[in-house]
């Protein structure tokens, strides 16, 4: 894939996202779509009351538009190039569209959540049971599409390709269902400090940008560049003090797109490393709940774990930097495993 095209789609996504902030943020303020802060949260978060939510629409639109523009350019200017042919490969194109569809459907669930929070002034949004049923339905639809689009194996470093269409390999599908559901919600949990989910996912996007370059997977290569660029444009508005929150609309989209990268590259197992920060956030909630039920005491000062560090005196910017570095180390180890698997 031409470096120029990758830069072009990243810059395009960044500019569109950043410029949308000039329009969307005032509009969200005008219609009073602001965040309702829980009283049980850190007291200093009360000053964020009323900050516009649903800002995730900015980078969602930025990604979709930039991808549409760059695909138009490719098929107009380079219609016979190798990567144009690869981009139109029926199975790979369907897998890419399935991944984008997964992210958009998860985002729609998040949008309903945000709408309830903003209009009904109920911070918790959708009931957990409602959200779970809908999300699992989306996960099943995604996996079904991926199967018919040719995803019949999964790759594990140093083990190789595993057939997932028969025998013991069939266990992959129920595990994958839980995996997608869990990681999508884990990314959602990470969105609790200004710029945190955006910054961590930017690091993960760079990892998949490098990985898909190595794998010559041009569809996901372009998408990862668009994601990275859009998040830079969003961070202009989302870094502390945030002018807008991505809301569940944005965080659920990011959860879906990160999962799509993992399955689209046929290395879903690597998400345990590249997504180690998301995993830590989710596990902190599980540990907190289990420990409290067993002992009546909290294990962390507050969960998810970024709030524990907040309550311990860490500034929000410090949390963003440290957590992003942890994500970077996880991504570095993941890439090392792939490199060793492919080239040694």
C-alpha atoms as a PDB file:
ATOM      1  CA  UNK A   1       0.000   0.000   0.000  1.00  0.00           C
ATOM      2  CA  UNK A   2       1.374   3.383  -0.942  1.00  0.00           C
ATOM      3  CA  UNK A   3       2.555   5.406   2.041  1.00  0.00           C
ATOM      4  CA  UNK A   4       0.977   8.453   0.417  1.00  0.00           C
ATOM      5  CA  UNK A   5      -2.468   6.821   0.502  1.00  0.00           C
ATOM      6  CA  UNK A   6      -2.088   5.909   4.171  1.00  0.00           C
ATOM      7  CA  UNK A   7      -1.047   9.453   5.037  1.00  0.00           C
ATOM      8  CA  UNK A   8      -3.869  10.826   2.926  1.00  0.00           C
ATOM      9  CA  UNK A   9      -6.604   8.778   4.628  1.00  0.00           C
ATOM     10  CA  UNK A  10      -5.184   9.558   8.090  1.00  0.00           C
ATOM     11  CA  UNK A  11      -4.964  13.295   7.431  1.00  0.00           C
ATOM     12  CA  UNK A  12      -8.413  13.310   5.847  1.00  0.00           C
ATOM     13  CA  UNK A  13      -9.944  11.540   8.859  1.00  0.00           C
ATOM     14  CA  UNK A  14      -8.128  13.868  11.260  1.00  0.00           C
ATOM     15  CA  UNK A  15      -9.243  17.052   9.510  1.00  0.00           C
ATOM     16  CA  UNK A  16     -12.870  15.955   9.099  1.00  0.00           C
ATOM     17  CA  UNK A  17     -13.085  14.890  12.753  1.00  0.00           C
ATOM     18  CA  UNK A  18     -11.457  18.047  14.085  1.00  0.00           C
ATOM     19  CA  UNK A  19     -13.620  20.343  11.956  1.00  0.00           C
ATOM     20  CA  UNK A  20     -16.795  18.525  12.968  1.00  0.00           C
ATOM     21  CA  UNK A  21     -16.063  19.599  16.529  1.00  0.00           C
ATOM     22  CA  UNK A  22     -16.693  23.191  15.501  1.00  0.00           C
ATOM     23  CA  UNK A  23     -20.246  22.261  14.512  1.00  0.00           C
ATOM     24  CA  UNK A  24     -21.235  19.268  16.630  1.00  0.00           C
ATOM     25  CA  UNK A  25     -20.110  20.487  20.072  1.00  0.00           C
ATOM     26  CA  UNK A  26     -22.150  23.739  19.981  1.00  0.00           C
ATOM     27  CA  UNK A  27     -25.107  21.759  18.599  1.00  0.00           C
ATOM     28  CA  UNK A  28     -24.939  19.215  21.441  1.00  0.00           C
ATOM     29  CA  UNK A  29     -24.779  22.059  23.950  1.00  0.00           C
ATOM     30  CA  UNK A  30     -27.768  23.733  22.331  1.00  0.00           C
ATOM     31  CA  UNK A  31     -29.947  20.617  22.621  1.00  0.00           C
ATOM     32  CA  UNK A  32     -28.624  19.949  26.151  1.00  0.00           C
ATOM     33  CA  UNK A  33     -27.070  16.577  25.401  1.00  0.00           C
ATOM     34  CA  UNK A  34     -24.717  16.783  28.348  1.00  0.00           C
ATOM     35  CA  UNK A  35     -23.120  14.296  30.728  1.00  0.00           C
ATOM     36  CA  UNK A  36     -24.849  13.500  34.018  1.00  0.00           C
ATOM     37  CA  UNK A  37     -22.180  12.808  36.638  1.00  0.00           C
ATOM     38  CA  UNK A  38     -22.780  10.097  39.222  1.00  0.00           C
ATOM     39  CA  UNK A  39     -22.593  11.290  42.835  1.00  0.00           C
ATOM     40  CA  UNK A  40     -20.576   8.204  43.782  1.00  0.00           C
ATOM     41  CA  UNK A  41     -17.770   9.232  41.420  1.00  0.00           C
ATOM     42  CA  UNK A  42     -14.776  11.422  42.237  1.00  0.00           C
ATOM     43  CA  UNK A  43     -16.050  14.751  43.594  1.00  0.00           C
ATOM     44  CA  UNK A  44     -13.910  16.756  41.156  1.00  0.00           C
ATOM     45  CA  UNK A  45     -15.802  15.162  38.258  1.00  0.00           C
ATOM     46  CA  UNK A  46     -18.832  17.262  39.190  1.00  0.00           C
ATOM     47  CA  UNK A  47     -17.322  20.177  37.260  1.00  0.00           C
ATOM     48  CA  UNK A  48     -17.760  18.043  34.098  1.00  0.00           C
ATOM     49  CA  UNK A  49     -21.527  18.072  34.574  1.00  0.00           C
ATOM     50  CA  UNK A  50     -23.165  19.107  31.310  1.00  0.00           C
ATOM     51  CA  UNK A  51     -20.149  18.449  29.073  1.00  0.00           C
ATOM     52  CA  UNK A  52     -21.582  17.326  25.706  1.00  0.00           C
ATOM     53  CA  UNK A  53     -21.691  13.587  25.022  1.00  0.00           C
ATOM     54  CA  UNK A  54     -22.053  11.675  21.747  1.00  0.00           C
ATOM     55  CA  UNK A  55     -18.824  13.293  20.540  1.00  0.00           C
ATOM     56  CA  UNK A  56     -17.907   9.905  19.140  1.00  0.00           C
ATOM     57  CA  UNK A  57     -20.022  10.839  16.143  1.00  0.00           C
ATOM     58  CA  UNK A  58     -17.143  13.110  15.133  1.00  0.00           C
ATOM     59  CA  UNK A  59     -14.585  10.346  14.595  1.00  0.00           C
ATOM     60  CA  UNK A  60     -17.172   7.864  13.322  1.00  0.00           C
ATOM     61  CA  UNK A  61     -18.129  10.260  10.533  1.00  0.00           C
ATOM     62  CA  UNK A  62     -14.465  11.135   9.997  1.00  0.00           C
ATOM     63  CA  UNK A  63     -13.509   7.486   9.518  1.00  0.00           C
ATOM     64  CA  UNK A  64     -16.414   6.585   7.227  1.00  0.00           C
ATOM     65  CA  UNK A  65     -16.025   9.661   5.026  1.00  0.00           C
ATOM     66  CA  UNK A  66     -12.245   9.365   4.735  1.00  0.00           C
ATOM     67  CA  UNK A  67     -12.520   5.683   3.812  1.00  0.00           C
ATOM     68  CA  UNK A  68     -15.140   6.480   1.164  1.00  0.00           C
ATOM     69  CA  UNK A  69     -12.959   9.256  -0.258  1.00  0.00           C
ATOM     70  CA  UNK A  70      -9.773   7.182  -0.398  1.00  0.00           C
ATOM     71  CA  UNK A  71     -11.561   4.190  -1.958  1.00  0.00           C
ATOM     72  CA  UNK A  72     -12.958   6.510  -4.628  1.00  0.00           C
ATOM     73  CA  UNK A  73      -9.463   7.851  -5.323  1.00  0.00           C
ATOM     74  CA  UNK A  74      -7.958   4.361  -5.513  1.00  0.00           C
ATOM     75  CA  UNK A  75     -10.528   2.999  -7.945  1.00  0.00           C
ATOM     76  CA  UNK A  76     -10.420   6.151 -10.044  1.00  0.00           C
ATOM     77  CA  UNK A  77      -6.661   6.739 -10.190  1.00  0.00           C
ATOM     78  CA  UNK A  78      -5.255   3.230  -9.586  1.00  0.00           C
ATOM     79  CA  UNK A  79      -7.995   0.855 -10.813  1.00  0.00           C
ATOM     80  CA  UNK A  80      -5.613  -1.873 -11.978  1.00  0.00           C
ATOM     81  CA  UNK A  81      -3.123  -1.754  -9.094  1.00  0.00           C
ATOM     82  CA  UNK A  82      -2.447  -4.821  -6.963  1.00  0.00           C
ATOM     83  CA  UNK A  83      -3.964  -3.260  -3.862  1.00  0.00           C
ATOM     84  CA  UNK A  84      -7.093  -2.178  -5.797  1.00  0.00           C
ATOM     85  CA  UNK A  85      -7.566  -5.803  -6.833  1.00  0.00           C
ATOM     86  CA  UNK A  86      -7.002  -6.988  -3.254  1.00  0.00           C
ATOM     87  CA  UNK A  87      -9.432  -4.403  -1.892  1.00  0.00           C
ATOM     88  CA  UNK A  88     -12.181  -5.763  -4.154  1.00  0.00           C
ATOM     89  CA  UNK A  89     -11.549  -9.405  -3.261  1.00  0.00           C
ATOM     90  CA  UNK A  90     -15.047 -10.562  -2.341  1.00  0.00           C
ATOM     91  CA  UNK A  91     -14.200 -12.316   0.934  1.00  0.00           C
ATOM     92  CA  UNK A  92     -11.736  -9.706   2.208  1.00  0.00           C
ATOM     93  CA  UNK A  93     -14.062  -6.847   1.314  1.00  0.00           C
ATOM     94  CA  UNK A  94     -16.968  -8.579   3.040  1.00  0.00           C
ATOM     95  CA  UNK A  95     -14.861  -9.170   6.149  1.00  0.00           C
ATOM     96  CA  UNK A  96     -13.853  -5.509   6.201  1.00  0.00           C
ATOM     97  CA  UNK A  97     -17.461  -4.373   5.794  1.00  0.00           C
ATOM     98  CA  UNK A  98     -18.536  -6.825   8.500  1.00  0.00           C
ATOM     99  CA  UNK A  99     -16.001  -5.258  10.861  1.00  0.00           C
ATOM    100  CA  UNK A 100     -17.195  -1.743  10.099  1.00  0.00           C
ATOM    101  CA  UNK A 101     -20.784  -2.949  10.456  1.00  0.00           C
ATOM    102  CA  UNK A 102     -19.982  -4.471  13.849  1.00  0.00           C
ATOM    103  CA  UNK A 103     -18.536  -1.166  15.030  1.00  0.00           C
ATOM    104  CA  UNK A 104     -21.500   0.845  13.714  1.00  0.00           C
ATOM    105  CA  UNK A 105     -24.097  -1.466  15.270  1.00  0.00           C
ATOM    106  CA  UNK A 106     -22.285  -1.388  18.611  1.00  0.00           C
ATOM    107  CA  UNK A 107     -22.167   2.385  18.264  1.00  0.00           C
ATOM    108  CA  UNK A 108     -25.930   2.470  17.695  1.00  0.00           C
ATOM    109  CA  UNK A 109     -26.425   0.562  20.945  1.00  0.00           C
ATOM    110  CA  UNK A 110     -24.203   3.142  22.600  1.00  0.00           C
ATOM    111  CA  UNK A 111     -26.222   5.917  20.969  1.00  0.00           C
ATOM    112  CA  UNK A 112     -29.417   4.575  22.542  1.00  0.00           C
ATOM    113  CA  UNK A 113     -27.582   4.491  25.871  1.00  0.00           C
ATOM    114  CA  UNK A 114     -26.403   8.086  25.471  1.00  0.00           C
ATOM    115  CA  UNK A 115     -29.871   9.244  24.402  1.00  0.00           C
ATOM    116  CA  UNK A 116     -31.416   7.852  27.555  1.00  0.00           C
ATOM    117  CA  UNK A 117     -28.704   9.489  29.656  1.00  0.00           C
ATOM    118  CA  UNK A 118     -29.105  12.858  27.964  1.00  0.00           C
ATOM    119  CA  UNK A 119     -32.883  13.010  27.558  1.00  0.00           C
ATOM    120  CA  UNK A 120     -34.057  10.966  30.528  1.00  0.00           C
ATOM    121  CA  UNK A 121     -31.203  12.256  32.730  1.00  0.00           C
ATOM    122  CA  UNK A 122     -30.550   8.674  33.837  1.00  0.00           C
ATOM    123  CA  UNK A 123     -26.790   8.150  33.979  1.00  0.00           C
ATOM    124  CA  UNK A 124     -26.911   4.377  33.708  1.00  0.00           C
ATOM    125  CA  UNK A 125     -28.687   4.422  30.339  1.00  0.00           C
ATOM    126  CA  UNK A 126     -30.006   1.120  29.010  1.00  0.00           C
ATOM    127  CA  UNK A 127     -30.657  -1.700  31.436  1.00  0.00           C
ATOM    128  CA  UNK A 128     -27.815  -4.232  31.527  1.00  0.00           C
ATOM    129  CA  UNK A 129     -30.103  -7.051  30.377  1.00  0.00           C
ATOM    130  CA  UNK A 130     -31.318  -5.033  27.384  1.00  0.00           C
ATOM    131  CA  UNK A 131     -27.812  -4.096  26.348  1.00  0.00           C
ATOM    132  CA  UNK A 132     -26.500  -7.648  26.742  1.00  0.00           C
ATOM    133  CA  UNK A 133     -29.195  -9.246  24.588  1.00  0.00           C
ATOM    134  CA  UNK A 134     -28.761  -6.725  21.777  1.00  0.00           C
ATOM    135  CA  UNK A 135     -24.969  -6.887  21.881  1.00  0.00           C
ATOM    136  CA  UNK A 136     -24.917 -10.677  21.782  1.00  0.00           C
ATOM    137  CA  UNK A 137     -27.242 -10.597  18.784  1.00  0.00           C
ATOM    138  CA  UNK A 138     -24.840  -8.249  16.989  1.00  0.00           C
ATOM    139  CA  UNK A 139     -21.901 -10.517  17.894  1.00  0.00           C
ATOM    140  CA  UNK A 140     -23.664 -13.569  16.463  1.00  0.00           C
ATOM    141  CA  UNK A 141     -24.467 -11.693  13.250  1.00  0.00           C
ATOM    142  CA  UNK A 142     -20.830 -10.583  12.918  1.00  0.00           C
ATOM    143  CA  UNK A 143     -19.385 -14.061  13.456  1.00  0.00           C
ATOM    144  CA  UNK A 144     -21.900 -15.593  11.033  1.00  0.00           C
ATOM    145  CA  UNK A 145     -20.919 -13.072   8.374  1.00  0.00           C
ATOM    146  CA  UNK A 146     -17.217 -13.686   8.983  1.00  0.00           C
ATOM    147  CA  UNK A 147     -17.720 -17.427   8.580  1.00  0.00           C
ATOM    148  CA  UNK A 148     -19.501 -17.068   5.243  1.00  0.00           C
ATOM    149  CA  UNK A 149     -16.830 -14.536   4.215  1.00  0.00           C
ATOM    150  CA  UNK A 150     -14.179 -17.231   4.553  1.00  0.00           C
ATOM    151  CA  UNK A 151     -12.967 -17.030   8.149  1.00  0.00           C
ATOM    152  CA  UNK A 152     -12.407 -20.751   8.615  1.00  0.00           C
ATOM    153  CA  UNK A 153      -9.135 -20.617  10.557  1.00  0.00           C
ATOM    154  CA  UNK A 154      -7.558 -18.617  13.351  1.00  0.00           C
ATOM    155  CA  UNK A 155      -3.849 -18.158  13.841  1.00  0.00           C
ATOM    156  CA  UNK A 156      -1.946 -18.568  17.107  1.00  0.00           C
ATOM    157  CA  UNK A 157       1.740 -17.567  17.204  1.00  0.00           C
ATOM    158  CA  UNK A 158       4.077 -20.607  17.244  1.00  0.00           C
ATOM    159  CA  UNK A 159       1.082 -22.946  16.872  1.00  0.00           C
ATOM    160  CA  UNK A 160      -0.056 -21.992  13.388  1.00  0.00           C
ATOM    161  CA  UNK A 161      -3.424 -22.031  11.635  1.00  0.00           C
ATOM    162  CA  UNK A 162      -6.229 -23.730  13.566  1.00  0.00           C
ATOM    163  CA  UNK A 163      -9.210 -25.107  11.663  1.00  0.00           C
ATOM    164  CA  UNK A 164     -12.367 -23.739  13.315  1.00  0.00           C
ATOM    165  CA  UNK A 165     -14.917 -25.465  11.073  1.00  0.00           C
ATOM    166  CA  UNK A 166     -14.931 -28.951  12.576  1.00  0.00           C
ATOM    167  CA  UNK A 167     -13.950 -31.073  15.540  1.00  0.00           C
ATOM    168  CA  UNK A 168     -12.363 -29.418  18.543  1.00  0.00           C
ATOM    169  CA  UNK A 169     -11.935 -26.219  16.535  1.00  0.00           C
ATOM    170  CA  UNK A 170     -15.676 -25.521  16.814  1.00  0.00           C
ATOM    171  CA  UNK A 171     -15.079 -24.388  20.388  1.00  0.00           C
ATOM    172  CA  UNK A 172     -13.663 -21.234  18.808  1.00  0.00           C
ATOM    173  CA  UNK A 173     -17.136 -19.828  18.064  1.00  0.00           C
ATOM    174  CA  UNK A 174     -18.641 -19.674  21.588  1.00  0.00           C
ATOM    175  CA  UNK A 175     -15.304 -18.415  22.902  1.00  0.00           C
ATOM    176  CA  UNK A 176     -15.247 -15.781  20.153  1.00  0.00           C
ATOM    177  CA  UNK A 177     -18.771 -14.688  21.083  1.00  0.00           C
ATOM    178  CA  UNK A 178     -17.755 -14.060  24.691  1.00  0.00           C
ATOM    179  CA  UNK A 179     -14.478 -12.519  23.510  1.00  0.00           C
ATOM    180  CA  UNK A 180     -16.186  -9.933  21.271  1.00  0.00           C
ATOM    181  CA  UNK A 181     -18.816  -9.076  23.856  1.00  0.00           C
ATOM    182  CA  UNK A 182     -16.223  -8.774  26.625  1.00  0.00           C
ATOM    183  CA  UNK A 183     -13.657  -6.660  24.798  1.00  0.00           C
ATOM    184  CA  UNK A 184     -16.248  -4.323  23.295  1.00  0.00           C
ATOM    185  CA  UNK A 185     -17.524  -3.531  26.770  1.00  0.00           C
ATOM    186  CA  UNK A 186     -13.991  -3.348  28.144  1.00  0.00           C
ATOM    187  CA  UNK A 187     -13.208  -0.496  25.758  1.00  0.00           C
ATOM    188  CA  UNK A 188     -16.419   1.164  26.951  1.00  0.00           C
ATOM    189  CA  UNK A 189     -15.199   0.906  30.559  1.00  0.00           C
ATOM    190  CA  UNK A 190     -11.918   2.572  29.612  1.00  0.00           C
ATOM    191  CA  UNK A 191     -13.745   5.778  28.719  1.00  0.00           C
ATOM    192  CA  UNK A 192     -13.815   7.438  32.136  1.00  0.00           C
ATOM    193  CA  UNK A 193     -11.006  10.012  32.098  1.00  0.00           C
ATOM    194  CA  UNK A 194     -10.509  12.838  29.606  1.00  0.00           C
ATOM    195  CA  UNK A 195      -8.636  11.502  26.581  1.00  0.00           C
ATOM    196  CA  UNK A 196      -8.030   8.015  28.010  1.00  0.00           C
ATOM    197  CA  UNK A 197      -9.991   5.745  25.644  1.00  0.00           C
ATOM    198  CA  UNK A 198      -8.982   7.937  22.692  1.00  0.00           C
ATOM    199  CA  UNK A 199      -5.270   7.827  23.522  1.00  0.00           C
ATOM    200  CA  UNK A 200      -5.122   4.115  24.335  1.00  0.00           C
ATOM    201  CA  UNK A 201      -7.041   3.223  21.178  1.00  0.00           C
ATOM    202  CA  UNK A 202      -4.744   5.489  19.144  1.00  0.00           C
ATOM    203  CA  UNK A 203      -1.823   3.313  20.310  1.00  0.00           C
ATOM    204  CA  UNK A 204      -3.768   0.159  19.394  1.00  0.00           C
ATOM    205  CA  UNK A 205      -4.594   1.653  15.968  1.00  0.00           C
ATOM    206  CA  UNK A 206      -0.887   2.230  15.320  1.00  0.00           C
ATOM    207  CA  UNK A 207      -0.199  -1.392  16.234  1.00  0.00           C
ATOM    208  CA  UNK A 208      -2.729  -2.629  13.692  1.00  0.00           C
ATOM    209  CA  UNK A 209      -1.391  -0.146  11.139  1.00  0.00           C
ATOM    210  CA  UNK A 210       2.026  -1.780  11.422  1.00  0.00           C
ATOM    211  CA  UNK A 211       0.633  -5.325  11.631  1.00  0.00           C
ATOM    212  CA  UNK A 212      -1.592  -4.980   8.562  1.00  0.00           C
ATOM    213  CA  UNK A 213       1.329  -3.480   6.644  1.00  0.00           C
ATOM    214  CA  UNK A 214       3.387  -6.573   7.432  1.00  0.00           C
ATOM    215  CA  UNK A 215       0.463  -8.849   6.527  1.00  0.00           C
ATOM    216  CA  UNK A 216      -0.238  -6.817   3.347  1.00  0.00           C
ATOM    217  CA  UNK A 217      -3.879  -6.564   4.408  1.00  0.00           C
ATOM    218  CA  UNK A 218      -4.677  -3.309   2.616  1.00  0.00           C
ATOM    219  CA  UNK A 219      -8.321  -2.920   3.591  1.00  0.00           C
ATOM    220  CA  UNK A 220      -7.656  -3.033   7.309  1.00  0.00           C
ATOM    221  CA  UNK A 221      -4.418  -1.117   6.681  1.00  0.00           C
ATOM    222  CA  UNK A 222      -6.415   1.857   5.382  1.00  0.00           C
ATOM    223  CA  UNK A 223      -8.977   1.508   8.162  1.00  0.00           C
ATOM    224  CA  UNK A 224      -6.316   1.519  10.889  1.00  0.00           C
ATOM    225  CA  UNK A 225      -4.755   4.666   9.400  1.00  0.00           C
ATOM    226  CA  UNK A 226      -8.182   6.324   9.273  1.00  0.00           C
ATOM    227  CA  UNK A 227      -8.849   5.336  12.888  1.00  0.00           C
ATOM    228  CA  UNK A 228      -5.506   6.715  14.069  1.00  0.00           C
ATOM    229  CA  UNK A 229      -6.015   9.983  12.204  1.00  0.00           C
ATOM    230  CA  UNK A 230      -9.593  10.427  13.408  1.00  0.00           C
ATOM    231  CA  UNK A 231      -8.574   9.889  17.021  1.00  0.00           C
ATOM    232  CA  UNK A 232      -5.908  12.587  16.727  1.00  0.00           C
ATOM    233  CA  UNK A 233      -8.602  14.945  15.442  1.00  0.00           C
ATOM    234  CA  UNK A 234     -10.887  13.951  18.314  1.00  0.00           C
ATOM    235  CA  UNK A 235      -8.179  14.370  20.958  1.00  0.00           C
ATOM    236  CA  UNK A 236      -7.981  18.048  20.039  1.00  0.00           C
ATOM    237  CA  UNK A 237     -11.384  18.327  21.731  1.00  0.00           C
ATOM    238  CA  UNK A 238     -11.162  15.438  24.196  1.00  0.00           C
ATOM    239  CA  UNK A 239      -7.878  15.972  26.055  1.00  0.00           C
ATOM    240  CA  UNK A 240      -8.141  17.367  29.568  1.00  0.00           C
ATOM    241  CA  UNK A 241     -10.083  19.552  30.088  1.00  0.00           C
ATOM    242  CA  UNK A 242     -12.401  17.838  27.620  1.00  0.00           C
ATOM    243  CA  UNK A 243     -14.735  19.981  25.558  1.00  0.00           C
ATOM    244  CA  UNK A 244     -16.705  16.888  24.569  1.00  0.00           C
ATOM    245  CA  UNK A 245     -16.995  13.236  25.611  1.00  0.00           C
ATOM    246  CA  UNK A 246     -17.216  10.423  23.083  1.00  0.00           C
ATOM    247  CA  UNK A 247     -20.032   8.833  25.084  1.00  0.00           C
ATOM    248  CA  UNK A 248     -21.092   5.245  24.643  1.00  0.00           C
ATOM    249  CA  UNK A 249     -21.738   6.169  21.004  1.00  0.00           C
ATOM    250  CA  UNK A 250     -17.993   6.510  20.521  1.00  0.00           C
ATOM    251  CA  UNK A 251     -16.582   3.999  22.997  1.00  0.00           C
ATOM    252  CA  UNK A 252     -18.801   1.173  21.740  1.00  0.00           C
ATOM    253  CA  UNK A 253     -17.726   1.986  18.189  1.00  0.00           C
ATOM    254  CA  UNK A 254     -14.070   1.815  19.253  1.00  0.00           C
ATOM    255  CA  UNK A 255     -14.721  -1.496  21.003  1.00  0.00           C
ATOM    256  CA  UNK A 256     -16.282  -2.914  17.855  1.00  0.00           C
ATOM    257  CA  UNK A 257     -13.545  -1.654  15.548  1.00  0.00           C
ATOM    258  CA  UNK A 258     -10.730  -2.954  17.766  1.00  0.00           C
ATOM    259  CA  UNK A 259     -12.354  -6.385  17.856  1.00  0.00           C
ATOM    260  CA  UNK A 260     -12.817  -6.228  14.079  1.00  0.00           C
ATOM    261  CA  UNK A 261      -9.085  -5.652  13.626  1.00  0.00           C
ATOM    262  CA  UNK A 262      -8.301  -8.640  15.812  1.00  0.00           C
ATOM    263  CA  UNK A 263     -10.592 -10.998  13.889  1.00  0.00           C
ATOM    264  CA  UNK A 264      -9.943  -9.435  10.492  1.00  0.00           C
ATOM    265  CA  UNK A 265      -6.206 -10.083  10.786  1.00  0.00           C
ATOM    266  CA  UNK A 266      -6.972 -13.654  11.977  1.00  0.00           C
ATOM    267  CA  UNK A 267      -5.013 -13.027  15.202  1.00  0.00           C
ATOM    268  CA  UNK A 268      -7.802 -12.475  17.762  1.00  0.00           C
ATOM    269  CA  UNK A 269      -5.670 -13.976  20.524  1.00  0.00           C
ATOM    270  CA  UNK A 270      -3.273 -11.032  20.225  1.00  0.00           C
ATOM    271  CA  UNK A 271      -5.924  -8.724  21.647  1.00  0.00           C
ATOM    272  CA  UNK A 272      -5.023 -10.049  25.101  1.00  0.00           C
ATOM    273  CA  UNK A 273      -1.736  -8.183  24.627  1.00  0.00           C
ATOM    274  CA  UNK A 274      -2.583  -5.279  22.321  1.00  0.00           C
ATOM    275  CA  UNK A 275      -5.732  -4.716  24.379  1.00  0.00           C
ATOM    276  CA  UNK A 276      -4.107  -5.376  27.741  1.00  0.00           C
ATOM    277  CA  UNK A 277      -5.236  -2.008  29.074  1.00  0.00           C
ATOM    278  CA  UNK A 278      -8.869  -2.722  28.178  1.00  0.00           C
ATOM    279  CA  UNK A 279      -8.532  -6.120  29.841  1.00  0.00           C
ATOM    280  CA  UNK A 280      -7.128  -4.530  33.003  1.00  0.00           C
ATOM    281  CA  UNK A 281     -10.038  -2.083  33.149  1.00  0.00           C
ATOM    282  CA  UNK A 282     -12.614  -4.873  32.809  1.00  0.00           C
ATOM    283  CA  UNK A 283     -10.879  -7.191  35.250  1.00  0.00           C
ATOM    284  CA  UNK A 284     -10.674  -4.434  37.850  1.00  0.00           C
ATOM    285  CA  UNK A 285     -14.473  -4.227  37.799  1.00  0.00           C
ATOM    286  CA  UNK A 286     -14.824  -8.007  38.088  1.00  0.00           C
ATOM    287  CA  UNK A 287     -12.357  -8.133  40.997  1.00  0.00           C
ATOM    288  CA  UNK A 288     -14.044  -5.212  42.740  1.00  0.00           C
ATOM    289  CA  UNK A 289     -17.511  -6.742  42.527  1.00  0.00           C
ATOM    290  CA  UNK A 290     -16.376 -10.248  43.514  1.00  0.00           C
ATOM    291  CA  UNK A 291     -14.288  -8.996  46.433  1.00  0.00           C
ATOM    292  CA  UNK A 292     -17.090  -6.768  47.704  1.00  0.00           C
ATOM    293  CA  UNK A 293     -19.641  -9.578  47.549  1.00  0.00           C
ATOM    294  CA  UNK A 294     -17.290 -11.893  49.445  1.00  0.00           C
ATOM    295  CA  UNK A 295     -15.951  -9.505  52.081  1.00  0.00           C
ATOM    296  CA  UNK A 296     -18.184  -6.431  52.045  1.00  0.00           C
ATOM    297  CA  UNK A 297     -15.087  -4.319  51.366  1.00  0.00           C
ATOM    298  CA  UNK A 298     -13.663  -2.717  48.234  1.00  0.00           C
ATOM    299  CA  UNK A 299     -10.473  -4.114  46.717  1.00  0.00           C
ATOM    300  CA  UNK A 300      -9.817  -0.873  44.800  1.00  0.00           C
ATOM    301  CA  UNK A 301     -10.673   2.620  45.995  1.00  0.00           C
ATOM    302  CA  UNK A 302     -12.949   2.745  42.975  1.00  0.00           C
ATOM    303  CA  UNK A 303     -13.323   0.818  39.738  1.00  0.00           C
ATOM    304  CA  UNK A 304     -12.629   0.750  36.830  1.00  0.00           C
ATOM    305  CA  UNK A 305      -8.979   0.957  37.742  1.00  0.00           C
ATOM    306  CA  UNK A 306      -8.349   4.429  36.273  1.00  0.00           C
ATOM    307  CA  UNK A 307     -10.621   5.793  39.011  1.00  0.00           C
ATOM    308  CA  UNK A 308      -8.524   3.979  41.635  1.00  0.00           C
ATOM    309  CA  UNK A 309      -5.479   5.929  40.486  1.00  0.00           C
ATOM    310  CA  UNK A 310      -7.535   9.130  40.410  1.00  0.00           C
ATOM    311  CA  UNK A 311      -8.596   8.548  44.000  1.00  0.00           C
ATOM    312  CA  UNK A 312      -4.930   7.899  44.823  1.00  0.00           C
ATOM    313  CA  UNK A 313      -4.011  11.386  43.666  1.00  0.00           C
ATOM    314  CA  UNK A 314      -2.997  10.893  40.032  1.00  0.00           C
ATOM    315  CA  UNK A 315      -3.915  13.700  37.662  1.00  0.00           C
ATOM    316  CA  UNK A 316      -5.955  12.743  34.613  1.00  0.00           C
ATOM    317  CA  UNK A 317      -3.139  13.555  32.181  1.00  0.00           C
ATOM    318  CA  UNK A 318      -0.753  11.306  34.129  1.00  0.00           C
ATOM    319  CA  UNK A 319      -3.240   8.441  33.945  1.00  0.00           C
ATOM    320  CA  UNK A 320      -3.576   8.925  30.168  1.00  0.00           C
ATOM    321  CA  UNK A 321       0.198   8.917  29.621  1.00  0.00           C
ATOM    322  CA  UNK A 322       0.941   5.929  31.885  1.00  0.00           C
ATOM    323  CA  UNK A 323      -1.970   3.841  30.613  1.00  0.00           C
ATOM    324  CA  UNK A 324      -1.037   4.623  26.997  1.00  0.00           C
ATOM    325  CA  UNK A 325       2.529   3.479  27.713  1.00  0.00           C
ATOM    326  CA  UNK A 326       1.181   0.228  29.164  1.00  0.00           C
ATOM    327  CA  UNK A 327      -0.875  -0.238  25.993  1.00  0.00           C
ATOM    328  CA  UNK A 328       2.235   0.480  23.907  1.00  0.00           C
ATOM    329  CA  UNK A 329       4.254  -2.187  25.742  1.00  0.00           C
ATOM    330  CA  UNK A 330       1.445  -4.705  25.237  1.00  0.00           C
ATOM    331  CA  UNK A 331       1.308  -3.875  21.527  1.00  0.00           C
ATOM    332  CA  UNK A 332       5.087  -4.136  21.247  1.00  0.00           C
ATOM    333  CA  UNK A 333       5.067  -7.623  22.766  1.00  0.00           C
ATOM    334  CA  UNK A 334       2.180  -8.648  20.493  1.00  0.00           C
ATOM    335  CA  UNK A 335       4.051  -7.477  17.413  1.00  0.00           C
ATOM    336  CA  UNK A 336       7.180  -9.259  18.589  1.00  0.00           C
ATOM    337  CA  UNK A 337       5.226 -12.518  18.757  1.00  0.00           C
ATOM    338  CA  UNK A 338       3.867 -12.036  15.231  1.00  0.00           C
ATOM    339  CA  UNK A 339       7.296 -11.138  13.866  1.00  0.00           C
ATOM    340  CA  UNK A 340       8.847 -14.194  15.481  1.00  0.00           C
ATOM    341  CA  UNK A 341       5.972 -16.362  14.221  1.00  0.00           C
ATOM    342  CA  UNK A 342       6.238 -15.125  10.625  1.00  0.00           C
ATOM    343  CA  UNK A 343       9.943 -14.606  10.110  1.00  0.00           C
ATOM    344  CA  UNK A 344      11.849 -16.926  12.438  1.00  0.00           C
END
